[in-house]
Amino acid sequence: MTTAPSSLPSLDALPPADVARACAEAGVTKAGRDTLTLLTLGILAGAFIALGAVAMVTTLTGASVLPWGVARLLGGCAFSLGLILVVIGGAELFTGDCLMVVAWASRRIATAALLRAWITVYVGNLLGAGATAALLFLSEHYRMDGGLVGSTLLTIASNKAALPTQPLVFLSILCNVLVCLAVWMALSARSTVDKVAVIVPAVTAFVAAGFEHSIANAFIFPYALLVKEHAPTEFWTLIGREPETLTALTWANAGWNVLVATLGNLLGGSLLVGGVYWFIYLRRR
């Protein structure tokens, strides 16, 4: 007796060539969205990444008793919440949208459409990240654990602000290689569990390694600078620090960091992931 073929969809992951085609199709869809929709989805993604970043800051608070690598690993796991929310919840993240270059290189979207989508989503990401920073400051989240959460935030932001330009460029390139690989693998997944399973290791790796993500930094810097400039005197007494000692943490250094990280993220995601996979699977022979 023969068995009728199953009508259930396959749960097997898509092979790489099919992922490349799915990535190009996703790029066409993104480019076709109206500006207001792209902006709103970008705001959501900025807020989602900010929530992942604040989870990381909270996790790293008090983690100095652990080996450095173990603490970073835990912080990276917490941060992966941000990209999970973007991919599963549905939002547009500039760093992940660098993969739209696959659709552009396949001549399925025009250069103007690509740039419009990138710029709109990027502006939305900055708005979402900045608004979340303001909300967290007003909530006085930084005062938790006797102010140690705020102290951890200030240390992270100060270290980022002090990064020289050359290492910042390459740390940003490496960061978005891993972010875009996480998005690429999520495109191959057929279920929510599979998507989460491929996102967490890649995101954890870039955070643990100390790579630089422009949108995460666009949240961390405003939050830290709000604390530096507006936190009450008792907060500084609790943590035993003075705002004047945070010399590297300025709006100018923060802006330069985010700008350089943005360019590095763009290069890493569009050329080293999107461009390479387009060349392998979709270029005309």
Protein backbone atom coordinates (compact mmCIF):
# COMPACT_ATOMS: atom_id res chain seq x y z
CA MET A 1 0.00 0.00 0.00
CA THR A 2 1.42 3.37 -0.98
CA THR A 3 1.47 6.29 1.41
CA ALA A 4 0.12 9.61 0.25
CA PRO A 5 2.70 12.40 0.26
CA SER A 6 2.50 14.69 3.26
CA SER A 7 1.01 18.14 2.71
CA LEU A 8 2.84 19.52 5.76
CA PRO A 9 5.57 22.09 5.02
CA SER A 10 9.16 20.97 5.54
CA LEU A 11 10.87 22.06 8.75
CA ASP A 12 14.33 21.51 7.28
CA ALA A 13 16.50 24.62 7.05
CA LEU A 14 16.80 26.24 3.65
CA PRO A 15 20.08 25.45 1.84
CA PRO A 16 22.45 28.40 1.30
CA ALA A 17 21.49 29.01 -2.35
CA ASP A 18 17.82 29.30 -1.36
CA VAL A 19 18.74 31.60 1.52
CA ALA A 20 20.46 33.89 -0.99
CA ARG A 21 17.29 34.03 -3.09
CA ALA A 22 15.16 34.62 0.02
CA CYS A 23 17.51 37.44 1.05
CA ALA A 24 17.14 39.10 -2.35
CA GLU A 25 13.35 38.77 -2.15
CA ALA A 26 13.37 40.28 1.35
CA GLY A 27 15.40 43.20 0.03
CA VAL A 28 12.83 43.85 -2.69
CA THR A 29 10.05 43.82 -0.09
CA LYS A 30 11.89 46.23 2.20
CA ALA A 31 12.65 48.63 -0.64
CA GLY A 32 8.98 48.62 -1.63
CA ARG A 33 7.73 49.81 1.74
CA ASP A 34 6.61 53.41 2.08
CA THR A 35 8.80 55.82 4.02
CA LEU A 36 6.53 56.15 7.06
CA THR A 37 6.32 52.37 7.48
CA LEU A 38 10.10 52.01 7.18
CA LEU A 39 10.63 54.81 9.70
CA THR A 40 8.23 53.27 12.21
CA LEU A 41 9.78 49.83 11.84
CA GLY A 42 13.19 51.47 12.29
CA ILE A 43 12.07 53.14 15.52
CA LEU A 44 10.90 49.76 16.79
CA ALA A 45 14.23 48.15 15.97
CA GLY A 46 16.17 50.93 17.70
CA ALA A 47 14.07 50.39 20.82
CA PHE A 48 14.49 46.60 20.60
CA ILE A 49 18.28 46.87 20.37
CA ALA A 50 18.22 49.30 23.29
CA LEU A 51 16.31 46.75 25.37
CA GLY A 52 18.93 44.14 24.54
CA ALA A 53 21.70 46.58 25.48
CA VAL A 54 20.14 47.46 28.83
CA ALA A 55 19.75 43.75 29.55
CA MET A 56 23.48 43.40 28.86
CA VAL A 57 24.36 46.31 31.16
CA THR A 58 22.22 44.88 33.94
CA THR A 59 23.74 41.41 33.51
CA LEU A 60 27.29 42.77 33.63
CA THR A 61 26.60 44.66 36.86
CA GLY A 62 28.47 42.87 39.65
CA ALA A 63 30.00 40.41 37.19
CA SER A 64 33.56 41.52 38.00
CA VAL A 65 33.81 38.53 40.35
CA LEU A 66 33.65 36.28 37.27
CA PRO A 67 36.44 35.70 34.73
CA TRP A 68 36.33 38.46 32.10
CA GLY A 69 35.35 36.13 29.26
CA VAL A 70 32.58 34.45 31.23
CA ALA A 71 31.06 37.81 32.18
CA ARG A 72 31.18 38.93 28.53
CA LEU A 73 29.56 35.67 27.47
CA LEU A 74 26.64 36.24 29.83
CA GLY A 75 26.30 39.84 28.70
CA GLY A 76 26.25 38.72 25.07
CA CYS A 77 23.50 36.20 25.76
CA ALA A 78 21.42 38.97 27.34
CA PHE A 79 22.08 41.35 24.44
CA SER A 80 20.87 38.80 21.89
CA LEU A 81 17.34 39.67 23.05
CA GLY A 82 17.57 42.76 20.84
CA LEU A 83 18.07 40.96 17.52
CA ILE A 84 15.57 38.26 18.50
CA LEU A 85 12.93 40.97 18.98
CA VAL A 86 13.86 42.52 15.62
CA VAL A 87 13.68 39.27 13.67
CA ILE A 88 10.76 37.58 15.42
CA GLY A 89 8.80 40.69 16.41
CA GLY A 90 9.23 42.30 13.01
CA ALA A 91 11.28 45.50 12.69
CA GLU A 92 13.91 47.06 10.43
CA LEU A 93 17.47 47.29 11.74
CA PHE A 94 20.07 49.18 9.70
CA THR A 95 22.86 46.73 10.42
CA GLY A 96 20.78 43.75 9.31
CA ASP A 97 19.40 45.67 6.32
CA CYS A 98 22.93 45.91 4.96
CA LEU A 99 22.01 42.56 3.39
CA MET A 100 19.71 44.47 1.02
CA VAL A 101 22.84 44.80 -1.10
CA VAL A 102 22.04 41.26 -2.33
CA ALA A 103 18.86 42.53 -4.01
CA TRP A 104 20.70 45.59 -5.34
CA ALA A 105 23.58 43.56 -6.80
CA SER A 106 21.00 41.25 -8.41
CA ARG A 107 19.53 44.37 -10.09
CA ARG A 108 16.17 43.87 -8.44
CA ILE A 109 16.15 47.25 -6.67
CA ALA A 110 17.57 50.60 -7.76
CA THR A 111 20.36 52.45 -5.96
CA ALA A 112 17.96 55.24 -4.98
CA ALA A 113 15.56 52.74 -3.41
CA LEU A 114 18.39 51.07 -1.49
CA LEU A 115 19.69 54.38 -0.12
CA ARG A 116 16.17 55.59 0.77
CA ALA A 117 15.55 52.43 2.78
CA TRP A 118 18.94 52.54 4.53
CA ILE A 119 18.67 56.22 5.47
CA THR A 120 15.05 55.97 6.63
CA VAL A 121 15.68 52.88 8.74
CA TYR A 122 18.88 54.35 10.19
CA VAL A 123 17.11 57.55 11.26
CA GLY A 124 14.34 55.44 12.80
CA ASN A 125 16.90 53.32 14.66
CA LEU A 126 18.51 56.44 16.14
CA LEU A 127 15.13 57.81 17.21
CA GLY A 128 14.10 54.52 18.84
CA ALA A 129 17.42 54.08 20.63
CA GLY A 130 17.47 57.69 21.87
CA ALA A 131 13.86 57.62 23.05
CA THR A 132 14.49 54.40 24.98
CA ALA A 133 17.56 55.96 26.61
CA ALA A 134 15.41 58.88 27.78
CA LEU A 135 12.74 56.55 29.15
CA LEU A 136 15.27 54.52 31.09
CA PHE A 137 16.87 57.63 32.53
CA LEU A 138 13.48 58.94 33.67
CA SER A 139 12.72 55.54 35.22
CA GLU A 140 15.93 55.87 37.32
CA HIS A 141 16.94 52.38 36.24
CA TYR A 142 20.59 53.46 36.59
CA ARG A 143 20.12 53.77 40.39
CA MET A 144 19.39 50.06 40.86
CA ASP A 145 21.70 47.94 43.04
CA GLY A 146 22.85 51.03 44.91
CA GLY A 147 23.81 52.81 41.70
CA LEU A 148 26.05 50.00 40.45
CA VAL A 149 23.94 49.57 37.30
CA GLY A 150 24.65 53.20 36.44
CA SER A 151 28.33 52.77 37.26
CA THR A 152 28.54 49.80 34.90
CA LEU A 153 26.82 51.82 32.19
CA LEU A 154 29.25 54.72 32.62
CA THR A 155 32.26 52.41 32.47
CA ILE A 156 31.05 50.74 29.27
CA ALA A 157 30.25 54.07 27.60
CA SER A 158 33.57 55.64 28.68
CA ASN A 159 35.56 52.74 27.29
CA LYS A 160 33.70 52.97 23.98
CA ALA A 161 34.17 56.75 23.79
CA ALA A 162 37.93 56.36 24.30
CA LEU A 163 38.41 53.89 21.43
CA PRO A 164 40.84 55.14 18.76
CA THR A 165 39.43 55.38 15.23
CA GLN A 166 41.40 52.57 13.58
CA PRO A 167 40.45 49.75 15.94
CA LEU A 168 36.90 51.12 16.06
CA VAL A 169 36.58 50.72 12.28
CA PHE A 170 37.67 47.10 12.31
CA LEU A 171 35.73 46.21 15.46
CA SER A 172 32.64 47.57 13.71
CA ILE A 173 33.32 45.61 10.52
CA LEU A 174 33.70 42.40 12.49
CA CYS A 175 30.56 43.15 14.49
CA ASN A 176 28.29 43.37 11.48
CA VAL A 177 29.78 40.29 9.90
CA LEU A 178 28.37 38.36 12.84
CA VAL A 179 25.09 40.31 12.97
CA CYS A 180 24.43 39.75 9.26
CA LEU A 181 25.39 36.09 9.54
CA ALA A 182 22.82 35.81 12.34
CA VAL A 183 20.17 37.39 10.09
CA TRP A 184 21.29 35.21 7.15
CA MET A 185 20.96 32.04 9.19
CA ALA A 186 17.59 33.20 10.54
CA LEU A 187 16.39 33.41 6.91
CA SER A 188 17.19 29.71 6.56
CA ALA A 189 15.16 28.77 9.65
CA ARG A 190 11.56 27.54 9.37
CA SER A 191 10.43 27.97 12.99
CA THR A 192 10.72 30.52 15.79
CA VAL A 193 12.83 28.15 17.87
CA ASP A 194 15.25 27.68 14.98
CA LYS A 195 15.56 31.43 14.44
CA VAL A 196 16.36 32.04 18.11
CA ALA A 197 18.83 29.15 18.12
CA VAL A 198 20.91 30.63 15.29
CA ILE A 199 20.72 34.26 16.45
CA VAL A 200 21.97 33.78 20.02
CA PRO A 201 25.45 32.31 19.34
CA ALA A 202 26.39 34.89 16.68
CA VAL A 203 25.22 37.88 18.71
CA THR A 204 26.76 36.52 21.90
CA ALA A 205 30.07 36.11 20.07
CA PHE A 206 30.26 39.73 18.89
CA VAL A 207 29.41 41.13 22.31
CA ALA A 208 31.81 38.78 24.11
CA ALA A 209 34.58 39.73 21.68
CA GLY A 210 34.03 43.45 22.26
CA PHE A 211 32.95 44.35 18.73
CA GLU A 212 31.12 47.64 18.09
CA HIS A 213 27.45 47.94 17.01
CA SER A 214 26.42 51.42 15.88
CA ILE A 215 22.75 51.23 16.96
CA ALA A 216 23.57 49.74 20.37
CA ASN A 217 26.08 52.55 20.87
CA ALA A 218 23.43 55.07 19.81
CA PHE A 219 21.52 53.93 22.90
CA ILE A 220 24.39 53.47 25.36
CA PHE A 221 25.92 56.91 24.80
CA PRO A 222 22.76 59.02 25.29
CA TYR A 223 21.78 57.00 28.34
CA ALA A 224 25.25 57.35 29.89
CA LEU A 225 25.50 61.05 29.04
CA LEU A 226 22.08 61.74 30.57
CA VAL A 227 23.32 60.04 33.74
CA LYS A 228 26.60 61.96 33.66
CA GLU A 229 24.93 65.34 33.17
CA HIS A 230 21.70 65.00 35.15
CA ALA A 231 22.03 62.31 37.83
CA PRO A 232 21.60 63.71 41.37
CA THR A 233 24.50 64.18 43.76
CA GLU A 234 23.50 61.21 45.92
CA PHE A 235 23.99 58.88 42.97
CA TRP A 236 27.62 59.93 42.62
CA THR A 237 28.11 59.59 46.36
CA LEU A 238 26.73 56.05 46.27
CA ILE A 239 29.09 54.89 43.51
CA GLY A 240 32.11 56.83 44.77
CA ARG A 241 32.79 58.57 41.45
CA GLU A 242 32.66 62.11 40.10
CA PRO A 243 31.28 63.06 36.66
CA GLU A 244 34.36 65.22 36.01
CA THR A 245 36.53 62.08 35.92
CA LEU A 246 34.67 60.78 32.86
CA THR A 247 36.70 62.93 30.49
CA ALA A 248 36.31 60.72 27.40
CA LEU A 249 32.53 60.54 27.73
CA THR A 250 31.40 63.57 25.70
CA TRP A 251 28.74 64.14 23.06
CA ALA A 252 31.46 64.80 20.47
CA ASN A 253 33.26 61.50 21.14
CA ALA A 254 29.92 59.68 21.21
CA GLY A 255 28.89 61.12 17.86
CA TRP A 256 32.24 60.22 16.27
CA ASN A 257 32.04 56.68 17.65
CA VAL A 258 28.54 56.13 16.24
CA LEU A 259 29.50 57.59 12.85
CA VAL A 260 32.63 55.46 12.49
CA ALA A 261 30.83 52.36 13.77
CA THR A 262 28.07 52.96 11.22
CA LEU A 263 30.55 53.02 8.34
CA GLY A 264 32.32 49.93 9.66
CA ASN A 265 29.03 48.08 10.12
CA LEU A 266 28.03 49.01 6.56
CA LEU A 267 31.27 47.64 5.12
CA GLY A 268 31.17 44.44 7.15
CA GLY A 269 27.55 43.57 6.45
CA SER A 270 27.18 44.67 2.84
CA LEU A 271 30.54 43.56 1.44
CA LEU A 272 31.79 40.69 3.59
CA VAL A 273 28.43 38.94 3.99
CA GLY A 274 25.89 40.18 1.45
CA GLY A 275 28.42 40.80 -1.30
CA VAL A 276 30.22 37.50 -0.82
CA TYR A 277 27.05 35.41 -0.81
CA TRP A 278 25.69 37.27 -3.83
CA PHE A 279 28.95 36.51 -5.69
CA ILE A 280 28.76 32.82 -4.79
CA TYR A 281 25.10 32.11 -5.50
CA LEU A 282 23.43 34.87 -7.51
CA ARG A 283 25.93 36.50 -9.84
CA ARG A 284 25.32 36.03 -13.56
CA ARG A 285 27.60 33.45 -15.13
